[in-house]
Amino acid sequence: MRRERVVVLALDGVYPFELGIPSRILGAADGRYEVLTCSVDGRPVRTNADFGVTVEHGPEVLATAGTVVIAPVAPDHLADEVSGDVLAALALIRPGTRIVSICTGAFVLAAAGLLDGRRATTHWQVADRFRRMFPRVDLDPDVLFVDDHPFLTSAGAASGVDICLHLVRKDHGSRLANSVARRCVVPPFRDGGQAQYIEQPVPEQGAASTAATRAWALERLDEPLTLADLSGHARMSQRTFARRFHDEVGLSPGRWLIQQRVVRARHLLESSDLTVDQIAGRVGFATGASLRQHLNAAIGVSPQAYRRTFQTAR
């Protein structure tokens, strides 16, 4: 069994909750990961709470990592340049190593020039500040995380859970990721993006949610659902439904349906021997070619390549 070493870099001002996420989530993956925590000098780290954290390792362990996680720091510790000791620590990471940031950890990667020309995300509250500081980064503040291999960035707080589950799912398949989620009592997959958490004006009294319609649609992914079908179920006009759906989920109804169909297709590719055309029909894509197109757009591989990756695990 392959056991990957994951090293979490803790900087002064770190959020304690997010610092512990990789160890908690990846540590529940049946021994597939070894999670170590380090600081830039091996000394204790000040958190943004009323206590410090003593770490067991210095920056030298970064050179041994298969994956590095940059834990987030409080906004008053953010800067458009990284200090010399942080740069020296990042320089120890081997080329090709997977690097993950949680929340404001993306500021560290961007300040080091590692995200230039790449798509990334961070917490929606500091998105405008990020854009001003790092205009060369293609920031998408609407999503929960971005996988632009080898760099992965995530939004605030609980998005660290989402991206760690994504790592497990990507490395070992949805069955293990779902098992980890159950052990940690968290959702195995959250749909939508950050828009559902951004402060919005108070909706008009009696405004209906699209949640029931989303649940209804998930039971009918094999059907050719249209905006008219969805809005009709919700008893709203198409325009009102589309607006409210985006406010709640952060995606258009069409994009959300494609996302859910891809998720369902990945599960069937891992857990069944159905052909690509059969899976396409079961998840609502018109043809196997359509499934191939959407799967490649989502994760960059063909259905056959994806299935081969997880055949051994099955």
C-alpha atoms as a PDB file:
ATOM      1  CA  MET A   1       0.000   0.000   0.000  1.00  0.00           C
ATOM      2  CA  ARG A   2       1.388   3.375  -1.029  1.00  0.00           C
ATOM      3  CA  ARG A   3       1.741   5.739   1.934  1.00  0.00           C
ATOM      4  CA  GLU A   4       2.191   9.356   0.993  1.00  0.00           C
ATOM      5  CA  ARG A   5       3.914  11.859   3.239  1.00  0.00           C
ATOM      6  CA  VAL A   6       1.972  15.089   3.643  1.00  0.00           C
ATOM      7  CA  VAL A   7       3.730  18.017   5.319  1.00  0.00           C
ATOM      8  CA  VAL A   8       1.690  20.924   6.679  1.00  0.00           C
ATOM      9  CA  LEU A   9       3.503  24.263   6.952  1.00  0.00           C
ATOM     10  CA  ALA A  10       2.375  26.365   9.916  1.00  0.00           C
ATOM     11  CA  LEU A  11       3.160  30.086   9.854  1.00  0.00           C
ATOM     12  CA  ASP A  12       2.735  32.712  12.562  1.00  0.00           C
ATOM     13  CA  GLY A  13      -0.908  33.775  12.830  1.00  0.00           C
ATOM     14  CA  VAL A  14      -2.177  30.365  11.709  1.00  0.00           C
ATOM     15  CA  TYR A  15      -5.791  29.373  12.294  1.00  0.00           C
ATOM     16  CA  PRO A  16      -5.725  26.345  14.650  1.00  0.00           C
ATOM     17  CA  PHE A  17      -8.856  24.748  13.199  1.00  0.00           C
ATOM     18  CA  GLU A  18      -7.598  24.715   9.627  1.00  0.00           C
ATOM     19  CA  LEU A  19      -4.117  23.654  10.736  1.00  0.00           C
ATOM     20  CA  GLY A  20      -5.575  20.422  12.070  1.00  0.00           C
ATOM     21  CA  ILE A  21      -7.769  19.567   9.079  1.00  0.00           C
ATOM     22  CA  PRO A  22      -5.183  17.623   7.015  1.00  0.00           C
ATOM     23  CA  SER A  23      -4.216  15.446   9.953  1.00  0.00           C
ATOM     24  CA  ARG A  24      -7.849  14.753  10.848  1.00  0.00           C
ATOM     25  CA  ILE A  25      -9.144  14.021   7.339  1.00  0.00           C
ATOM     26  CA  LEU A  26      -6.122  12.370   5.750  1.00  0.00           C
ATOM     27  CA  GLY A  27      -5.356  10.575   8.987  1.00  0.00           C
ATOM     28  CA  ALA A  28      -8.702   8.767   8.667  1.00  0.00           C
ATOM     29  CA  ALA A  29      -7.795   7.286   5.260  1.00  0.00           C
ATOM     30  CA  ASP A  30      -6.777   3.798   6.431  1.00  0.00           C
ATOM     31  CA  GLY A  31      -3.088   4.631   6.790  1.00  0.00           C
ATOM     32  CA  ARG A  32      -2.685   5.916   3.223  1.00  0.00           C
ATOM     33  CA  TYR A  33      -1.107   9.176   4.418  1.00  0.00           C
ATOM     34  CA  GLU A  34       1.521  10.188   6.945  1.00  0.00           C
ATOM     35  CA  VAL A  35       0.856  13.769   8.055  1.00  0.00           C
ATOM     36  CA  LEU A  36       3.638  15.862   9.603  1.00  0.00           C
ATOM     37  CA  THR A  37       3.539  19.493  10.718  1.00  0.00           C
ATOM     38  CA  CYS A  38       6.465  21.882  10.483  1.00  0.00           C
ATOM     39  CA  SER A  39       7.349  25.540  10.892  1.00  0.00           C
ATOM     40  CA  VAL A  40       9.899  27.619   8.999  1.00  0.00           C
ATOM     41  CA  ASP A  41      12.442  27.268  11.817  1.00  0.00           C
ATOM     42  CA  GLY A  42      11.247  24.307  13.889  1.00  0.00           C
ATOM     43  CA  ARG A  43      10.137  26.607  16.693  1.00  0.00           C
ATOM     44  CA  PRO A  44       6.645  27.024  18.188  1.00  0.00           C
ATOM     45  CA  VAL A  45       4.166  29.027  16.122  1.00  0.00           C
ATOM     46  CA  ARG A  46       1.843  31.764  17.325  1.00  0.00           C
ATOM     47  CA  THR A  47      -1.751  31.168  16.295  1.00  0.00           C
ATOM     48  CA  ASN A  48      -4.501  33.740  15.871  1.00  0.00           C
ATOM     49  CA  ALA A  49      -6.052  32.360  19.081  1.00  0.00           C
ATOM     50  CA  ASP A  50      -4.809  32.792  22.640  1.00  0.00           C
ATOM     51  CA  PHE A  51      -2.355  29.900  22.466  1.00  0.00           C
ATOM     52  CA  GLY A  52       0.654  28.804  20.493  1.00  0.00           C
ATOM     53  CA  VAL A  53       1.430  25.510  18.781  1.00  0.00           C
ATOM     54  CA  THR A  54       4.570  23.450  19.281  1.00  0.00           C
ATOM     55  CA  VAL A  55       5.577  21.558  16.140  1.00  0.00           C
ATOM     56  CA  GLU A  56       7.845  18.539  15.943  1.00  0.00           C
ATOM     57  CA  HIS A  57       9.639  19.396  12.706  1.00  0.00           C
ATOM     58  CA  GLY A  58      11.610  22.107  10.976  1.00  0.00           C
ATOM     59  CA  PRO A  59      11.432  23.047   7.292  1.00  0.00           C
ATOM     60  CA  GLU A  60      13.754  20.240   6.217  1.00  0.00           C
ATOM     61  CA  VAL A  61      10.818  17.777   6.154  1.00  0.00           C
ATOM     62  CA  LEU A  62       9.316  19.760   3.274  1.00  0.00           C
ATOM     63  CA  ALA A  63      11.955  18.172   1.035  1.00  0.00           C
ATOM     64  CA  THR A  64      10.540  14.716   1.831  1.00  0.00           C
ATOM     65  CA  ALA A  65       6.875  15.489   1.079  1.00  0.00           C
ATOM     66  CA  GLY A  66       4.695  14.132  -1.695  1.00  0.00           C
ATOM     67  CA  THR A  67       2.136  16.786  -0.811  1.00  0.00           C
ATOM     68  CA  VAL A  68       2.649  20.099   1.012  1.00  0.00           C
ATOM     69  CA  VAL A  69      -0.240  21.966   2.644  1.00  0.00           C
ATOM     70  CA  ILE A  70       0.005  25.689   3.407  1.00  0.00           C
ATOM     71  CA  ALA A  71      -2.236  26.373   6.396  1.00  0.00           C
ATOM     72  CA  PRO A  72      -4.055  29.747   6.459  1.00  0.00           C
ATOM     73  CA  VAL A  73      -3.186  32.757   8.586  1.00  0.00           C
ATOM     74  CA  ALA A  74      -5.281  35.617   9.922  1.00  0.00           C
ATOM     75  CA  PRO A  75      -5.770  38.548   7.502  1.00  0.00           C
ATOM     76  CA  ASP A  76      -3.515  40.863   9.518  1.00  0.00           C
ATOM     77  CA  HIS A  77      -0.595  38.553   8.700  1.00  0.00           C
ATOM     78  CA  LEU A  78      -1.107  38.732   4.924  1.00  0.00           C
ATOM     79  CA  ALA A  79       1.467  40.514   2.771  1.00  0.00           C
ATOM     80  CA  ASP A  80       2.246  40.948  -0.910  1.00  0.00           C
ATOM     81  CA  GLU A  81       5.754  39.608  -0.305  1.00  0.00           C
ATOM     82  CA  VAL A  82       6.923  36.582   1.643  1.00  0.00           C
ATOM     83  CA  SER A  83       9.714  36.756   4.174  1.00  0.00           C
ATOM     84  CA  GLY A  84      13.114  35.272   3.520  1.00  0.00           C
ATOM     85  CA  ASP A  85      12.612  32.359   5.891  1.00  0.00           C
ATOM     86  CA  VAL A  86       9.318  31.415   4.221  1.00  0.00           C
ATOM     87  CA  LEU A  87      10.919  31.612   0.771  1.00  0.00           C
ATOM     88  CA  ALA A  88      13.783  29.458   1.996  1.00  0.00           C
ATOM     89  CA  ALA A  89      11.310  26.902   3.335  1.00  0.00           C
ATOM     90  CA  LEU A  90       9.339  26.827   0.063  1.00  0.00           C
ATOM     91  CA  ALA A  91      12.589  26.397  -1.870  1.00  0.00           C
ATOM     92  CA  LEU A  92      13.085  23.046  -0.111  1.00  0.00           C
ATOM     93  CA  ILE A  93       9.992  21.575  -1.778  1.00  0.00           C
ATOM     94  CA  ARG A  94      10.969  19.209  -4.576  1.00  0.00           C
ATOM     95  CA  PRO A  95       9.873  20.094  -8.140  1.00  0.00           C
ATOM     96  CA  GLY A  96       6.591  18.418  -9.043  1.00  0.00           C
ATOM     97  CA  THR A  97       5.412  18.129  -5.445  1.00  0.00           C
ATOM     98  CA  ARG A  98       1.680  18.656  -5.027  1.00  0.00           C
ATOM     99  CA  ILE A  99       1.082  21.910  -3.115  1.00  0.00           C
ATOM    100  CA  VAL A 100      -2.248  22.671  -1.448  1.00  0.00           C
ATOM    101  CA  SER A 101      -3.383  25.878   0.224  1.00  0.00           C
ATOM    102  CA  ILE A 102      -6.306  26.287   2.578  1.00  0.00           C
ATOM    103  CA  CYS A 103      -8.107  29.639   2.672  1.00  0.00           C
ATOM    104  CA  THR A 104      -5.586  32.504   2.942  1.00  0.00           C
ATOM    105  CA  GLY A 105      -2.704  30.098   2.382  1.00  0.00           C
ATOM    106  CA  ALA A 106      -3.141  31.028  -1.281  1.00  0.00           C
ATOM    107  CA  PHE A 107      -1.660  34.441  -0.456  1.00  0.00           C
ATOM    108  CA  VAL A 108       1.617  32.745   0.465  1.00  0.00           C
ATOM    109  CA  LEU A 109       1.765  30.832  -2.810  1.00  0.00           C
ATOM    110  CA  ALA A 110       0.797  33.899  -4.833  1.00  0.00           C
ATOM    111  CA  ALA A 111       3.322  36.139  -3.080  1.00  0.00           C
ATOM    112  CA  ALA A 112       6.009  33.585  -3.912  1.00  0.00           C
ATOM    113  CA  GLY A 113       5.004  33.802  -7.586  1.00  0.00           C
ATOM    114  CA  LEU A 114       3.859  30.193  -7.723  1.00  0.00           C
ATOM    115  CA  LEU A 115       0.313  30.954  -8.899  1.00  0.00           C
ATOM    116  CA  ASP A 116       1.106  33.402 -11.711  1.00  0.00           C
ATOM    117  CA  GLY A 117      -0.975  32.531 -14.765  1.00  0.00           C
ATOM    118  CA  ARG A 118      -2.869  29.857 -12.837  1.00  0.00           C
ATOM    119  CA  ARG A 119      -6.466  29.558 -11.699  1.00  0.00           C
ATOM    120  CA  ALA A 120      -6.893  29.711  -7.918  1.00  0.00           C
ATOM    121  CA  THR A 121      -9.337  30.576  -5.156  1.00  0.00           C
ATOM    122  CA  THR A 122      -9.328  31.877  -1.602  1.00  0.00           C
ATOM    123  CA  HIS A 123     -11.863  33.055   0.976  1.00  0.00           C
ATOM    124  CA  TRP A 124     -14.495  35.297  -0.608  1.00  0.00           C
ATOM    125  CA  GLN A 125     -14.020  37.999   2.035  1.00  0.00           C
ATOM    126  CA  VAL A 126     -10.426  38.651   0.928  1.00  0.00           C
ATOM    127  CA  ALA A 127     -10.966  38.047  -2.799  1.00  0.00           C
ATOM    128  CA  ASP A 128     -10.849  41.747  -3.761  1.00  0.00           C
ATOM    129  CA  ARG A 129      -7.662  42.213  -1.752  1.00  0.00           C
ATOM    130  CA  PHE A 130      -6.133  39.169  -3.435  1.00  0.00           C
ATOM    131  CA  ARG A 131      -6.949  40.517  -6.904  1.00  0.00           C
ATOM    132  CA  ARG A 132      -5.339  43.868  -6.128  1.00  0.00           C
ATOM    133  CA  MET A 133      -2.206  42.242  -4.764  1.00  0.00           C
ATOM    134  CA  PHE A 134      -1.820  39.481  -7.343  1.00  0.00           C
ATOM    135  CA  PRO A 135      -3.333  40.530 -10.701  1.00  0.00           C
ATOM    136  CA  ARG A 136      -1.415  37.788 -12.536  1.00  0.00           C
ATOM    137  CA  VAL A 137      -3.441  35.077 -10.804  1.00  0.00           C
ATOM    138  CA  ASP A 138      -6.754  33.991 -12.350  1.00  0.00           C
ATOM    139  CA  LEU A 139      -8.821  34.154  -9.172  1.00  0.00           C
ATOM    140  CA  ASP A 140     -12.190  32.388  -9.026  1.00  0.00           C
ATOM    141  CA  PRO A 141     -13.840  33.359  -5.716  1.00  0.00           C
ATOM    142  CA  ASP A 142     -17.063  31.448  -6.435  1.00  0.00           C
ATOM    143  CA  VAL A 143     -15.783  27.887  -5.976  1.00  0.00           C
ATOM    144  CA  LEU A 144     -14.931  25.795  -2.917  1.00  0.00           C
ATOM    145  CA  PHE A 145     -11.599  24.688  -4.336  1.00  0.00           C
ATOM    146  CA  VAL A 146      -9.528  24.688  -7.520  1.00  0.00           C
ATOM    147  CA  ASP A 147      -7.352  21.813  -8.715  1.00  0.00           C
ATOM    148  CA  ASP A 148      -4.785  23.254 -11.136  1.00  0.00           C
ATOM    149  CA  HIS A 149      -2.226  20.480 -10.725  1.00  0.00           C
ATOM    150  CA  PRO A 150       0.215  20.540  -9.028  1.00  0.00           C
ATOM    151  CA  PHE A 151      -1.297  23.515  -7.164  1.00  0.00           C
ATOM    152  CA  LEU A 152      -4.625  23.169  -5.372  1.00  0.00           C
ATOM    153  CA  THR A 153      -6.251  26.092  -3.574  1.00  0.00           C
ATOM    154  CA  SER A 154      -9.355  26.164  -1.408  1.00  0.00           C
ATOM    155  CA  ALA A 155     -11.742  28.672   0.101  1.00  0.00           C
ATOM    156  CA  GLY A 156     -12.286  29.372   3.783  1.00  0.00           C
ATOM    157  CA  ALA A 157     -12.328  27.118   6.845  1.00  0.00           C
ATOM    158  CA  ALA A 158     -14.433  24.033   6.054  1.00  0.00           C
ATOM    159  CA  SER A 159     -13.234  24.111   2.438  1.00  0.00           C
ATOM    160  CA  GLY A 160     -10.070  22.611   3.860  1.00  0.00           C
ATOM    161  CA  VAL A 161     -12.175  19.533   4.570  1.00  0.00           C
ATOM    162  CA  ASP A 162     -13.494  19.584   0.992  1.00  0.00           C
ATOM    163  CA  ILE A 163     -10.056  19.759  -0.572  1.00  0.00           C
ATOM    164  CA  CYS A 164      -8.606  17.041   1.670  1.00  0.00           C
ATOM    165  CA  LEU A 165     -11.499  14.748   0.742  1.00  0.00           C
ATOM    166  CA  HIS A 166     -10.798  15.657  -2.880  1.00  0.00           C
ATOM    167  CA  LEU A 167      -7.206  14.482  -2.413  1.00  0.00           C
ATOM    168  CA  VAL A 168      -8.402  11.149  -1.023  1.00  0.00           C
ATOM    169  CA  ARG A 169     -10.953  10.785  -3.826  1.00  0.00           C
ATOM    170  CA  LYS A 170      -8.377  11.674  -6.468  1.00  0.00           C
ATOM    171  CA  ASP A 171      -5.725   9.354  -5.053  1.00  0.00           C
ATOM    172  CA  HIS A 172      -7.822   6.384  -3.947  1.00  0.00           C
ATOM    173  CA  GLY A 173     -11.383   6.745  -5.264  1.00  0.00           C
ATOM    174  CA  SER A 174     -14.762   7.796  -3.951  1.00  0.00           C
ATOM    175  CA  ARG A 175     -15.310   4.679  -1.833  1.00  0.00           C
ATOM    176  CA  LEU A 176     -12.443   5.537   0.529  1.00  0.00           C
ATOM    177  CA  ALA A 177     -13.291   9.262   0.426  1.00  0.00           C
ATOM    178  CA  ASN A 178     -16.879   8.491   1.419  1.00  0.00           C
ATOM    179  CA  SER A 179     -15.636   6.236   4.219  1.00  0.00           C
ATOM    180  CA  VAL A 180     -13.381   9.022   5.531  1.00  0.00           C
ATOM    181  CA  ALA A 181     -16.296  11.472   5.390  1.00  0.00           C
ATOM    182  CA  ARG A 182     -18.500   9.138   7.403  1.00  0.00           C
ATOM    183  CA  ARG A 183     -15.805   8.656  10.042  1.00  0.00           C
ATOM    184  CA  CYS A 184     -15.359  12.398  10.366  1.00  0.00           C
ATOM    185  CA  VAL A 185     -19.126  13.065  10.196  1.00  0.00           C
ATOM    186  CA  VAL A 186     -18.851  15.506   7.273  1.00  0.00           C
ATOM    187  CA  PRO A 187     -20.497  15.555   3.834  1.00  0.00           C
ATOM    188  CA  PRO A 188     -18.448  13.553   1.302  1.00  0.00           C
ATOM    189  CA  PHE A 189     -19.135  16.156  -1.370  1.00  0.00           C
ATOM    190  CA  ARG A 190     -20.604  19.650  -1.163  1.00  0.00           C
ATOM    191  CA  ASP A 191     -22.166  20.964  -4.331  1.00  0.00           C
ATOM    192  CA  GLY A 192     -22.057  24.563  -5.443  1.00  0.00           C
ATOM    193  CA  GLY A 193     -19.544  27.178  -4.447  1.00  0.00           C
ATOM    194  CA  GLN A 194     -18.864  30.052  -2.084  1.00  0.00           C
ATOM    195  CA  ALA A 195     -21.765  32.150  -3.317  1.00  0.00           C
ATOM    196  CA  GLN A 196     -24.097  30.277  -1.003  1.00  0.00           C
ATOM    197  CA  TYR A 197     -22.089  31.543   1.994  1.00  0.00           C
ATOM    198  CA  ILE A 198     -21.566  35.158   0.934  1.00  0.00           C
ATOM    199  CA  GLU A 199     -23.622  37.691   2.851  1.00  0.00           C
ATOM    200  CA  GLN A 200     -26.743  38.416   0.816  1.00  0.00           C
ATOM    201  CA  PRO A 201     -29.630  40.825   1.292  1.00  0.00           C
ATOM    202  CA  VAL A 202     -32.447  39.336   3.347  1.00  0.00           C
ATOM    203  CA  PRO A 203     -34.759  37.563   0.865  1.00  0.00           C
ATOM    204  CA  GLU A 204     -38.312  38.720   0.537  1.00  0.00           C
ATOM    205  CA  GLN A 205     -40.699  37.220   3.044  1.00  0.00           C
ATOM    206  CA  GLY A 206     -41.909  33.804   1.956  1.00  0.00           C
ATOM    207  CA  ALA A 207     -39.163  33.341  -0.625  1.00  0.00           C
ATOM    208  CA  ALA A 208     -38.845  29.683  -1.525  1.00  0.00           C
ATOM    209  CA  SER A 209     -35.592  27.712  -1.587  1.00  0.00           C
ATOM    210  CA  THR A 210     -34.390  25.575  -4.482  1.00  0.00           C
ATOM    211  CA  ALA A 211     -33.185  22.822  -2.125  1.00  0.00           C
ATOM    212  CA  ALA A 212     -36.215  20.579  -2.648  1.00  0.00           C
ATOM    213  CA  THR A 213     -35.858  20.860  -6.404  1.00  0.00           C
ATOM    214  CA  ARG A 214     -32.175  19.987  -6.224  1.00  0.00           C
ATOM    215  CA  ALA A 215     -33.019  16.854  -4.243  1.00  0.00           C
ATOM    216  CA  TRP A 216     -35.752  16.044  -6.791  1.00  0.00           C
ATOM    217  CA  ALA A 217     -33.298  16.479  -9.671  1.00  0.00           C
ATOM    218  CA  LEU A 218     -30.699  14.211  -8.080  1.00  0.00           C
ATOM    219  CA  GLU A 219     -33.228  11.388  -8.208  1.00  0.00           C
ATOM    220  CA  ARG A 220     -33.734  11.997 -11.938  1.00  0.00           C
ATOM    221  CA  LEU A 221     -30.274  12.633 -13.340  1.00  0.00           C
ATOM    222  CA  ASP A 222     -30.928  10.076 -16.080  1.00  0.00           C
ATOM    223  CA  GLU A 223     -33.710  12.254 -17.452  1.00  0.00           C
ATOM    224  CA  PRO A 224     -33.156  15.200 -19.860  1.00  0.00           C
ATOM    225  CA  LEU A 225     -33.920  17.863 -17.256  1.00  0.00           C
ATOM    226  CA  THR A 226     -34.372  21.418 -18.516  1.00  0.00           C
ATOM    227  CA  LEU A 227     -34.613  24.761 -16.789  1.00  0.00           C
ATOM    228  CA  ALA A 228     -38.347  24.634 -17.459  1.00  0.00           C
ATOM    229  CA  ASP A 229     -38.559  21.266 -15.671  1.00  0.00           C
ATOM    230  CA  LEU A 230     -36.653  22.554 -12.647  1.00  0.00           C
ATOM    231  CA  SER A 231     -38.474  25.864 -12.368  1.00  0.00           C
ATOM    232  CA  GLY A 232     -41.797  24.095 -12.855  1.00  0.00           C
ATOM    233  CA  HIS A 233     -41.071  21.746  -9.970  1.00  0.00           C
ATOM    234  CA  ALA A 234     -40.103  24.726  -7.810  1.00  0.00           C
ATOM    235  CA  ARG A 235     -43.215  26.626  -8.935  1.00  0.00           C
ATOM    236  CA  MET A 236     -41.205  29.666  -9.978  1.00  0.00           C
ATOM    237  CA  SER A 237     -40.645  31.486 -13.208  1.00  0.00           C
ATOM    238  CA  GLN A 238     -37.514  30.372 -15.023  1.00  0.00           C
ATOM    239  CA  ARG A 239     -35.865  33.742 -14.438  1.00  0.00           C
ATOM    240  CA  THR A 240     -36.627  33.780 -10.703  1.00  0.00           C
ATOM    241  CA  PHE A 241     -35.546  30.159 -10.294  1.00  0.00           C
ATOM    242  CA  ALA A 242     -32.251  30.659 -12.135  1.00  0.00           C
ATOM    243  CA  ARG A 243     -31.438  33.750 -10.051  1.00  0.00           C
ATOM    244  CA  ARG A 244     -32.334  32.112  -6.733  1.00  0.00           C
ATOM    245  CA  PHE A 245     -30.528  28.892  -7.667  1.00  0.00           C
ATOM    246  CA  HIS A 246     -27.314  30.799  -8.377  1.00  0.00           C
ATOM    247  CA  ASP A 247     -27.648  32.777  -5.142  1.00  0.00           C
ATOM    248  CA  GLU A 248     -27.985  29.570  -3.129  1.00  0.00           C
ATOM    249  CA  VAL A 249     -25.538  27.299  -4.936  1.00  0.00           C
ATOM    250  CA  GLY A 250     -23.102  29.577  -6.737  1.00  0.00           C
ATOM    251  CA  LEU A 251     -23.673  27.842 -10.081  1.00  0.00           C
ATOM    252  CA  SER A 252     -26.241  28.025 -12.831  1.00  0.00           C
ATOM    253  CA  PRO A 253     -28.745  25.137 -12.895  1.00  0.00           C
ATOM    254  CA  GLY A 254     -27.130  23.804 -16.061  1.00  0.00           C
ATOM    255  CA  ARG A 255     -23.596  23.801 -14.652  1.00  0.00           C
ATOM    256  CA  TRP A 256     -24.816  22.217 -11.434  1.00  0.00           C
ATOM    257  CA  LEU A 257     -26.540  19.394 -13.344  1.00  0.00           C
ATOM    258  CA  ILE A 258     -23.359  18.682 -15.310  1.00  0.00           C
ATOM    259  CA  GLN A 259     -21.348  18.659 -12.074  1.00  0.00           C
ATOM    260  CA  GLN A 260     -23.722  16.186 -10.429  1.00  0.00           C
ATOM    261  CA  ARG A 261     -23.766  13.944 -13.494  1.00  0.00           C
ATOM    262  CA  VAL A 262     -19.978  13.844 -13.575  1.00  0.00           C
ATOM    263  CA  VAL A 263     -19.896  12.939  -9.878  1.00  0.00           C
ATOM    264  CA  ARG A 264     -22.388  10.111 -10.448  1.00  0.00           C
ATOM    265  CA  ALA A 265     -20.475   8.908 -13.517  1.00  0.00           C
ATOM    266  CA  ARG A 266     -17.203   8.791 -11.567  1.00  0.00           C
ATOM    267  CA  HIS A 267     -18.850   6.631  -8.923  1.00  0.00           C
ATOM    268  CA  LEU A 268     -20.181   4.216 -11.545  1.00  0.00           C
ATOM    269  CA  LEU A 269     -16.818   4.045 -13.310  1.00  0.00           C
ATOM    270  CA  GLU A 270     -15.215   3.064 -10.011  1.00  0.00           C
ATOM    271  CA  SER A 271     -17.866   0.687  -8.720  1.00  0.00           C
ATOM    272  CA  SER A 272     -19.401  -1.018 -11.770  1.00  0.00           C
ATOM    273  CA  ASP A 273     -18.510  -2.785 -15.006  1.00  0.00           C
ATOM    274  CA  LEU A 274     -21.036  -0.835 -17.057  1.00  0.00           C
ATOM    275  CA  THR A 275     -19.837   0.427 -20.419  1.00  0.00           C
ATOM    276  CA  VAL A 276     -19.191   4.119 -20.942  1.00  0.00           C
ATOM    277  CA  ASP A 277     -22.356   4.402 -23.056  1.00  0.00           C
ATOM    278  CA  GLN A 278     -24.422   2.671 -20.365  1.00  0.00           C
ATOM    279  CA  ILE A 279     -23.057   4.977 -17.673  1.00  0.00           C
ATOM    280  CA  ALA A 280     -23.737   8.002 -19.870  1.00  0.00           C
ATOM    281  CA  GLY A 281     -27.366   6.946 -20.140  1.00  0.00           C
ATOM    282  CA  ARG A 282     -27.720   6.379 -16.400  1.00  0.00           C
ATOM    283  CA  VAL A 283     -26.394   9.817 -15.468  1.00  0.00           C
ATOM    284  CA  GLY A 284     -28.190  11.841 -18.137  1.00  0.00           C
ATOM    285  CA  PHE A 285     -25.536  12.456 -20.772  1.00  0.00           C
ATOM    286  CA  ALA A 286     -26.930  11.869 -24.252  1.00  0.00           C
ATOM    287  CA  THR A 287     -23.961   9.847 -25.498  1.00  0.00           C
ATOM    288  CA  GLY A 288     -20.715   8.298 -24.361  1.00  0.00           C
ATOM    289  CA  ALA A 289     -18.939  11.049 -26.287  1.00  0.00           C
ATOM    290  CA  SER A 290     -20.710  13.653 -24.177  1.00  0.00           C
ATOM    291  CA  LEU A 291     -19.615  11.879 -20.991  1.00  0.00           C
ATOM    292  CA  ARG A 292     -16.029  11.755 -22.252  1.00  0.00           C
ATOM    293  CA  GLN A 293     -16.106  15.467 -23.004  1.00  0.00           C
ATOM    294  CA  HIS A 294     -17.480  16.502 -19.623  1.00  0.00           C
ATOM    295  CA  LEU A 295     -15.280  14.119 -17.619  1.00  0.00           C
ATOM    296  CA  ASN A 296     -12.186  15.352 -19.412  1.00  0.00           C
ATOM    297  CA  ALA A 297     -13.202  18.959 -18.783  1.00  0.00           C
ATOM    298  CA  ALA A 298     -13.735  18.220 -15.078  1.00  0.00           C
ATOM    299  CA  ILE A 299     -10.690  16.089 -14.229  1.00  0.00           C
ATOM    300  CA  GLY A 300      -8.593  15.923 -17.389  1.00  0.00           C
ATOM    301  CA  VAL A 301      -8.834  12.190 -18.132  1.00  0.00           C
ATOM    302  CA  SER A 302     -10.955   9.855 -20.226  1.00  0.00           C
ATOM    303  CA  PRO A 303     -13.469   7.455 -18.670  1.00  0.00           C
ATOM    304  CA  GLN A 304     -11.248   4.495 -19.568  1.00  0.00           C
ATOM    305  CA  ALA A 305      -8.181   6.061 -17.944  1.00  0.00           C
ATOM    306  CA  TYR A 306     -10.184   6.987 -14.860  1.00  0.00           C
ATOM    307  CA  ARG A 307     -11.551   3.461 -14.538  1.00  0.00           C
ATOM    308  CA  ARG A 308      -8.093   1.894 -14.908  1.00  0.00           C
ATOM    309  CA  THR A 309      -6.810   4.085 -12.068  1.00  0.00           C
ATOM    310  CA  PHE A 310      -9.270   2.574  -9.606  1.00  0.00           C
ATOM    311  CA  GLN A 311      -9.577  -0.998 -10.846  1.00  0.00           C
ATOM    312  CA  THR A 312      -6.859  -2.176  -8.455  1.00  0.00           C
ATOM    313  CA  ALA A 313      -8.590  -0.521  -5.514  1.00  0.00           C
ATOM    314  CA  ARG A 314     -11.816  -2.323  -6.400  1.00  0.00           C
END
